[in-house]
N, C-alpha and C. Protein backbone atom coordinates (compact mmCIF):
# COMPACT_ATOMS: atom_id res chain seq x y z
N UNK A 1 -1.46 11.18 -0.43
CA UNK A 1 -1.09 10.00 -1.09
C UNK A 1 -2.33 9.08 -1.20
N UNK A 2 -2.21 8.14 -2.17
CA UNK A 2 -3.28 7.19 -2.36
C UNK A 2 -2.74 5.76 -2.33
N UNK A 3 -3.64 4.80 -2.07
CA UNK A 3 -3.20 3.43 -1.93
C UNK A 3 -4.21 2.55 -2.69
N UNK A 4 -3.72 1.56 -3.31
CA UNK A 4 -4.52 0.57 -4.04
C UNK A 4 -3.98 -0.88 -3.81
N UNK A 5 -4.87 -1.78 -3.74
CA UNK A 5 -4.49 -3.20 -3.57
C UNK A 5 -4.78 -3.95 -4.92
N UNK A 6 -3.70 -4.57 -5.51
CA UNK A 6 -3.86 -5.20 -6.78
C UNK A 6 -3.83 -6.71 -6.56
N UNK A 7 -4.85 -7.33 -7.09
CA UNK A 7 -5.02 -8.79 -6.91
C UNK A 7 -4.02 -9.59 -7.92
N UNK A 8 -3.27 -10.50 -7.32
CA UNK A 8 -2.37 -11.27 -8.11
C UNK A 8 -3.13 -12.47 -8.73
N UNK A 9 -2.45 -13.09 -9.76
CA UNK A 9 -3.02 -14.23 -10.41
C UNK A 9 -2.02 -15.39 -10.40
N UNK A 10 -2.50 -16.59 -10.21
CA UNK A 10 -1.73 -17.81 -10.18
C UNK A 10 -0.55 -17.64 -9.22
N UNK A 11 0.71 -17.66 -9.68
CA UNK A 11 1.83 -17.50 -8.80
C UNK A 11 2.20 -16.10 -8.51
N UNK A 12 1.61 -15.14 -9.10
CA UNK A 12 1.93 -13.74 -8.78
C UNK A 12 1.12 -13.27 -7.55
N UNK A 13 1.80 -12.77 -6.56
CA UNK A 13 1.15 -12.41 -5.29
C UNK A 13 0.34 -11.11 -5.42
N UNK A 14 -0.43 -10.83 -4.39
CA UNK A 14 -1.18 -9.56 -4.30
C UNK A 14 -0.10 -8.43 -3.99
N UNK A 15 -0.32 -7.22 -4.60
CA UNK A 15 0.59 -6.16 -4.33
C UNK A 15 -0.19 -4.90 -3.92
N UNK A 16 0.58 -4.01 -3.25
CA UNK A 16 0.07 -2.73 -2.81
C UNK A 16 0.88 -1.66 -3.62
N UNK A 17 0.13 -0.72 -4.06
CA UNK A 17 0.75 0.50 -4.75
C UNK A 17 0.42 1.73 -3.87
N UNK A 18 1.40 2.55 -3.61
CA UNK A 18 1.21 3.86 -2.99
C UNK A 18 1.57 4.87 -3.99
N UNK A 19 0.67 5.82 -4.24
CA UNK A 19 0.88 6.84 -5.25
C UNK A 19 0.77 8.25 -4.62
N UNK A 20 1.44 9.21 -5.16
CA UNK A 20 1.36 10.60 -4.64
C UNK A 20 0.16 11.31 -5.24
N UNK A 21 0.08 12.60 -4.98
CA UNK A 21 -1.10 13.43 -5.33
C UNK A 21 -1.22 13.45 -6.83
N UNK A 22 -0.12 13.28 -7.61
CA UNK A 22 -0.19 13.33 -9.08
C UNK A 22 -0.32 11.83 -9.61
N UNK A 23 -0.61 10.85 -8.75
CA UNK A 23 -0.76 9.47 -9.09
C UNK A 23 0.48 8.87 -9.61
N UNK A 24 1.68 9.42 -9.31
CA UNK A 24 2.95 8.84 -9.61
C UNK A 24 3.26 7.75 -8.55
N UNK A 25 3.66 6.52 -9.02
CA UNK A 25 3.94 5.45 -8.18
C UNK A 25 5.19 5.81 -7.29
N UNK A 26 5.02 5.72 -5.96
CA UNK A 26 6.11 6.00 -5.03
C UNK A 26 6.52 4.76 -4.26
N UNK A 27 5.62 3.79 -4.17
CA UNK A 27 5.98 2.56 -3.49
C UNK A 27 5.18 1.36 -4.05
N UNK A 28 5.72 0.25 -4.15
CA UNK A 28 5.13 -0.97 -4.72
C UNK A 28 5.71 -2.16 -3.92
N UNK A 29 4.85 -2.91 -3.26
CA UNK A 29 5.35 -3.99 -2.41
C UNK A 29 4.29 -5.02 -2.26
N UNK A 30 4.67 -6.29 -1.86
CA UNK A 30 3.80 -7.38 -1.66
C UNK A 30 2.90 -7.07 -0.48
N UNK A 31 1.61 -7.44 -0.62
CA UNK A 31 0.70 -7.28 0.47
C UNK A 31 0.96 -8.04 1.68
N UNK A 32 1.62 -9.19 1.47
CA UNK A 32 1.88 -10.13 2.66
C UNK A 32 3.21 -9.86 3.27
N UNK A 33 3.98 -8.87 2.87
CA UNK A 33 5.23 -8.51 3.49
C UNK A 33 5.25 -7.06 3.92
N UNK A 34 5.78 -6.80 5.09
CA UNK A 34 5.78 -5.45 5.55
C UNK A 34 6.60 -4.49 4.62
N UNK A 35 6.11 -3.27 4.54
CA UNK A 35 6.76 -2.27 3.73
C UNK A 35 8.07 -1.85 4.43
N UNK A 36 9.13 -1.66 3.63
CA UNK A 36 10.42 -1.23 4.09
C UNK A 36 10.59 0.17 3.82
N UNK A 37 11.35 0.93 4.65
CA UNK A 37 11.69 2.34 4.44
C UNK A 37 10.46 3.16 4.47
N UNK A 38 9.50 2.98 5.40
CA UNK A 38 8.35 3.79 5.48
C UNK A 38 8.62 5.19 5.89
N UNK A 39 9.79 5.49 6.47
CA UNK A 39 10.14 6.88 6.83
C UNK A 39 10.27 7.74 5.55
N UNK A 40 10.59 7.16 4.42
CA UNK A 40 10.80 7.94 3.17
C UNK A 40 9.43 8.58 2.82
N UNK A 41 8.28 7.99 3.28
CA UNK A 41 7.01 8.51 2.89
C UNK A 41 6.27 9.17 4.02
N UNK A 42 6.97 9.41 5.07
CA UNK A 42 6.34 10.09 6.25
C UNK A 42 5.44 9.13 7.01
N UNK A 43 5.60 7.84 6.98
CA UNK A 43 4.71 6.94 7.66
C UNK A 43 5.36 6.21 8.83
N UNK A 44 6.54 6.70 9.29
CA UNK A 44 7.18 6.10 10.43
C UNK A 44 6.30 6.15 11.64
N UNK A 45 6.22 5.07 12.40
CA UNK A 45 5.37 4.90 13.58
C UNK A 45 3.97 4.53 13.25
N UNK A 46 3.64 4.38 11.97
CA UNK A 46 2.25 4.07 11.58
C UNK A 46 2.18 2.72 10.92
N UNK A 47 3.17 1.87 11.17
CA UNK A 47 3.33 0.59 10.52
C UNK A 47 2.12 -0.25 10.82
N UNK A 48 1.68 -0.33 12.12
CA UNK A 48 0.59 -1.19 12.48
C UNK A 48 -0.70 -0.62 11.86
N UNK A 49 -0.96 0.58 11.83
CA UNK A 49 -2.14 1.13 11.21
C UNK A 49 -2.15 0.86 9.66
N UNK A 50 -0.96 0.91 9.04
CA UNK A 50 -0.90 0.68 7.61
C UNK A 50 -1.13 -0.83 7.33
N UNK A 51 -0.64 -1.69 8.23
CA UNK A 51 -0.82 -3.11 8.07
C UNK A 51 -2.33 -3.46 8.21
N UNK A 52 -3.02 -2.84 9.17
CA UNK A 52 -4.51 -3.10 9.33
C UNK A 52 -5.25 -2.60 8.14
N UNK A 53 -4.81 -1.40 7.61
CA UNK A 53 -5.53 -0.83 6.51
C UNK A 53 -5.42 -1.76 5.22
N UNK A 54 -4.17 -2.30 5.04
CA UNK A 54 -3.92 -3.21 3.91
C UNK A 54 -4.73 -4.44 4.07
N UNK A 55 -4.86 -5.00 5.20
CA UNK A 55 -5.60 -6.22 5.46
C UNK A 55 -7.10 -6.05 5.03
N UNK A 56 -7.67 -4.86 5.33
CA UNK A 56 -9.09 -4.64 5.11
C UNK A 56 -9.39 -3.85 3.76
N UNK A 57 -8.36 -3.57 3.06
CA UNK A 57 -8.47 -2.82 1.77
C UNK A 57 -9.00 -3.71 0.69
N UNK A 58 -10.11 -3.21 -0.01
CA UNK A 58 -10.69 -4.04 -1.09
C UNK A 58 -9.80 -4.03 -2.32
N UNK A 59 -9.77 -5.03 -3.08
CA UNK A 59 -8.90 -5.07 -4.32
C UNK A 59 -9.43 -4.11 -5.35
N UNK A 60 -8.48 -3.42 -6.04
CA UNK A 60 -8.80 -2.60 -7.21
C UNK A 60 -9.49 -1.31 -6.85
N UNK A 61 -9.58 -0.91 -5.66
CA UNK A 61 -10.26 0.34 -5.32
C UNK A 61 -9.24 1.41 -4.78
N UNK A 62 -9.02 2.46 -5.54
CA UNK A 62 -8.06 3.50 -5.16
C UNK A 62 -8.67 4.28 -4.01
N UNK A 63 -7.89 4.43 -2.88
CA UNK A 63 -8.41 5.22 -1.72
C UNK A 63 -7.32 6.20 -1.34
N UNK A 64 -7.77 7.27 -0.74
CA UNK A 64 -6.90 8.29 -0.19
C UNK A 64 -6.25 7.66 1.07
N UNK A 65 -4.97 7.77 1.19
CA UNK A 65 -4.20 7.16 2.30
C UNK A 65 -4.22 8.17 3.42
N UNK A 66 -5.03 7.91 4.50
CA UNK A 66 -5.08 8.78 5.64
C UNK A 66 -4.92 7.90 6.88
N UNK A 67 -3.77 8.12 7.54
CA UNK A 67 -3.47 7.34 8.72
C UNK A 67 -3.32 8.24 9.92
């Protein structure tokens, strides 16, 4: 899976996109709110690591999601 942080403008908040190996969007959520239903993506138990990754993720740079 891949992750990208999208910069919001004005009243639109920053968002996180998680995409699969074919770059199909599988999750889209606000960067300042925790992701719900992480078990659907095989990320259960990795919430803290995901939160730390999101905090340090640069805007607009697609990265392989490895936790």
